């Protein structure tokens, strides 16, 4: 099994917390995770609003597109460069997403969402990998564990 691929079903965004976390284990009262950007371990209780990146999609005029595919399209546009900072202007962020996902739904995919996506993209690029496991690989990895 390749360890250099990122399994988005194990990468967590936690409401109220900066950055992304890698899921490590279930605990009696929640989950144990490790910050991607520093390795600090944290316990999140069952009341924490935790979302895996694999469960997130953005709106397009045709429906929804999974975050994994969004990251792939951003990578095609950006090559090896980082995405603009979340502090970039709204126009700069909109221009990037217009290039990467021309049919994004501007009425439901807001600049605040774009800021989160570029932050997550940069954190994954710099602290993990933009090479993602496929659902089948992730499932077989879970069966082996």
Protein backbone atom coordinates (compact mmCIF):
# COMPACT_ATOMS: atom_id res chain seq x y z
CA UNK A 1 0.00 0.00 0.00
CA UNK A 2 1.34 3.47 -0.90
CA UNK A 3 1.66 5.86 2.01
CA UNK A 4 2.34 8.93 -0.09
CA UNK A 5 -1.30 9.31 -1.13
CA UNK A 6 -3.74 11.40 0.86
CA UNK A 7 -7.01 9.77 1.92
CA UNK A 8 -9.49 12.67 2.08
CA UNK A 9 -11.85 10.53 4.16
CA UNK A 10 -9.24 10.76 6.96
CA UNK A 11 -8.56 14.51 6.60
CA UNK A 12 -10.80 16.53 8.90
CA UNK A 13 -12.00 20.09 9.05
CA UNK A 14 -13.24 21.02 12.51
CA UNK A 15 -15.51 24.03 13.05
CA UNK A 16 -13.77 26.69 15.11
CA UNK A 17 -10.30 25.19 14.55
CA UNK A 18 -7.69 26.55 12.16
CA UNK A 19 -6.15 24.12 9.69
CA UNK A 20 -6.74 20.50 8.83
CA UNK A 21 -6.37 17.37 10.94
CA UNK A 22 -5.57 13.75 10.15
CA UNK A 23 -7.91 11.29 11.85
CA UNK A 24 -5.97 8.87 14.07
CA UNK A 25 -8.46 6.97 16.22
CA UNK A 26 -11.88 6.85 17.78
CA UNK A 27 -11.99 7.50 21.49
CA UNK A 28 -14.73 6.78 23.98
CA UNK A 29 -15.87 10.40 23.91
CA UNK A 30 -14.94 11.54 20.39
CA UNK A 31 -11.98 11.38 18.02
CA UNK A 32 -8.22 11.78 18.22
CA UNK A 33 -6.59 13.69 15.40
CA UNK A 34 -3.25 15.22 14.52
CA UNK A 35 -2.74 18.66 12.99
CA UNK A 36 -1.42 18.34 9.44
CA UNK A 37 0.86 21.36 9.78
CA UNK A 38 2.60 20.46 13.01
CA UNK A 39 1.68 17.03 14.20
CA UNK A 40 0.13 18.24 17.46
CA UNK A 41 -2.43 15.69 18.66
CA UNK A 42 -5.85 16.84 19.73
CA UNK A 43 -8.97 15.23 21.11
CA UNK A 44 -12.30 16.39 19.70
CA UNK A 45 -15.40 15.51 21.69
CA UNK A 46 -18.61 14.23 20.16
CA UNK A 47 -20.08 17.76 20.11
CA UNK A 48 -17.35 19.02 17.77
CA UNK A 49 -18.55 19.71 14.25
CA UNK A 50 -16.14 17.49 12.28
CA UNK A 51 -16.33 17.05 8.51
CA UNK A 52 -14.10 14.90 6.33
CA UNK A 53 -12.88 16.59 3.15
CA UNK A 54 -14.18 13.57 1.20
CA UNK A 55 -17.72 14.61 2.20
CA UNK A 56 -17.44 18.18 0.89
CA UNK A 57 -18.60 19.30 -2.54
CA UNK A 58 -18.97 22.68 -4.21
CA UNK A 59 -21.91 23.85 -6.27
CA UNK A 60 -21.70 24.13 -10.03
CA UNK A 61 -24.38 25.09 -12.51
CA UNK A 62 -24.65 21.37 -13.35
CA UNK A 63 -24.89 20.09 -9.77
CA UNK A 64 -22.05 19.43 -7.33
CA UNK A 65 -18.39 18.54 -7.69
CA UNK A 66 -16.41 16.69 -4.98
CA UNK A 67 -13.57 18.57 -3.29
CA UNK A 68 -11.08 15.96 -4.51
CA UNK A 69 -11.96 16.89 -8.09
CA UNK A 70 -11.80 20.61 -7.25
CA UNK A 71 -8.26 20.14 -5.88
CA UNK A 72 -7.32 18.29 -9.08
CA UNK A 73 -8.63 21.10 -11.26
CA UNK A 74 -6.86 23.72 -9.15
CA UNK A 75 -3.64 21.72 -9.47
CA UNK A 76 -4.03 21.67 -13.28
CA UNK A 77 -4.28 25.48 -13.31
CA UNK A 78 -1.63 26.18 -10.64
CA UNK A 79 0.88 23.43 -11.56
CA UNK A 80 3.41 23.43 -8.70
CA UNK A 81 2.58 26.91 -7.39
CA UNK A 82 0.61 27.53 -4.21
CA UNK A 83 -2.92 28.83 -4.54
CA UNK A 84 -3.41 32.51 -3.68
CA UNK A 85 -3.71 33.16 0.04
CA UNK A 86 -7.17 33.30 1.59
CA UNK A 87 -6.31 36.96 2.19
CA UNK A 88 -6.19 37.56 -1.58
CA UNK A 89 -8.80 39.83 -3.13
CA UNK A 90 -12.22 38.43 -3.95
CA UNK A 91 -11.54 39.17 -7.63
CA UNK A 92 -8.31 37.14 -7.58
CA UNK A 93 -10.04 34.16 -5.95
CA UNK A 94 -13.00 34.34 -8.35
CA UNK A 95 -10.59 34.49 -11.32
CA UNK A 96 -8.77 31.36 -10.10
CA UNK A 97 -12.00 29.39 -9.66
CA UNK A 98 -13.34 30.67 -13.00
CA UNK A 99 -10.23 29.18 -14.66
CA UNK A 100 -10.27 25.90 -12.73
CA UNK A 101 -14.05 25.34 -12.53
CA UNK A 102 -15.67 27.61 -15.12
CA UNK A 103 -19.17 26.40 -14.23
CA UNK A 104 -18.98 27.04 -10.47
CA UNK A 105 -22.25 28.45 -9.14
CA UNK A 106 -21.50 32.01 -8.03
CA UNK A 107 -24.87 32.23 -6.26
CA UNK A 108 -24.12 29.31 -3.92
CA UNK A 109 -20.30 29.02 -3.87
CA UNK A 110 -19.21 32.16 -2.05
CA UNK A 111 -15.83 33.88 -1.68
CA UNK A 112 -15.81 32.70 1.97
CA UNK A 113 -15.96 29.10 0.65
CA UNK A 114 -13.19 29.84 -1.88
CA UNK A 115 -10.98 31.08 0.97
CA UNK A 116 -11.41 27.79 2.84
CA UNK A 117 -10.72 25.75 -0.31
CA UNK A 118 -7.48 27.61 -1.15
CA UNK A 119 -6.30 27.32 2.48
CA UNK A 120 -7.03 23.58 2.44
CA UNK A 121 -5.37 23.19 -0.98
CA UNK A 122 -2.18 24.90 0.21
CA UNK A 123 -2.10 22.95 3.47
CA UNK A 124 -2.53 19.62 1.67
CA UNK A 125 0.08 20.60 -0.95
CA UNK A 126 2.62 21.59 1.69
CA UNK A 127 1.89 19.13 4.53
CA UNK A 128 0.49 16.02 2.84
CA UNK A 129 -0.03 15.23 -0.85
CA UNK A 130 -2.31 16.28 -3.69
CA UNK A 131 -2.17 12.67 -4.88
CA UNK A 132 -5.37 11.21 -3.47
CA UNK A 133 -6.42 7.65 -2.81
CA UNK A 134 -9.39 6.40 -4.76
CA UNK A 135 -12.45 5.18 -2.85
CA UNK A 136 -11.58 1.57 -3.72
CA UNK A 137 -8.03 1.98 -2.35
CA UNK A 138 -9.34 3.59 0.83
CA UNK A 139 -11.89 0.79 1.30
CA UNK A 140 -9.32 -1.95 0.80
CA UNK A 141 -6.98 -0.18 3.22
CA UNK A 142 -9.72 -0.15 5.84
CA UNK A 143 -10.38 -3.85 5.36
CA UNK A 144 -6.70 -4.63 5.92
CA UNK A 145 -6.52 -2.53 9.08
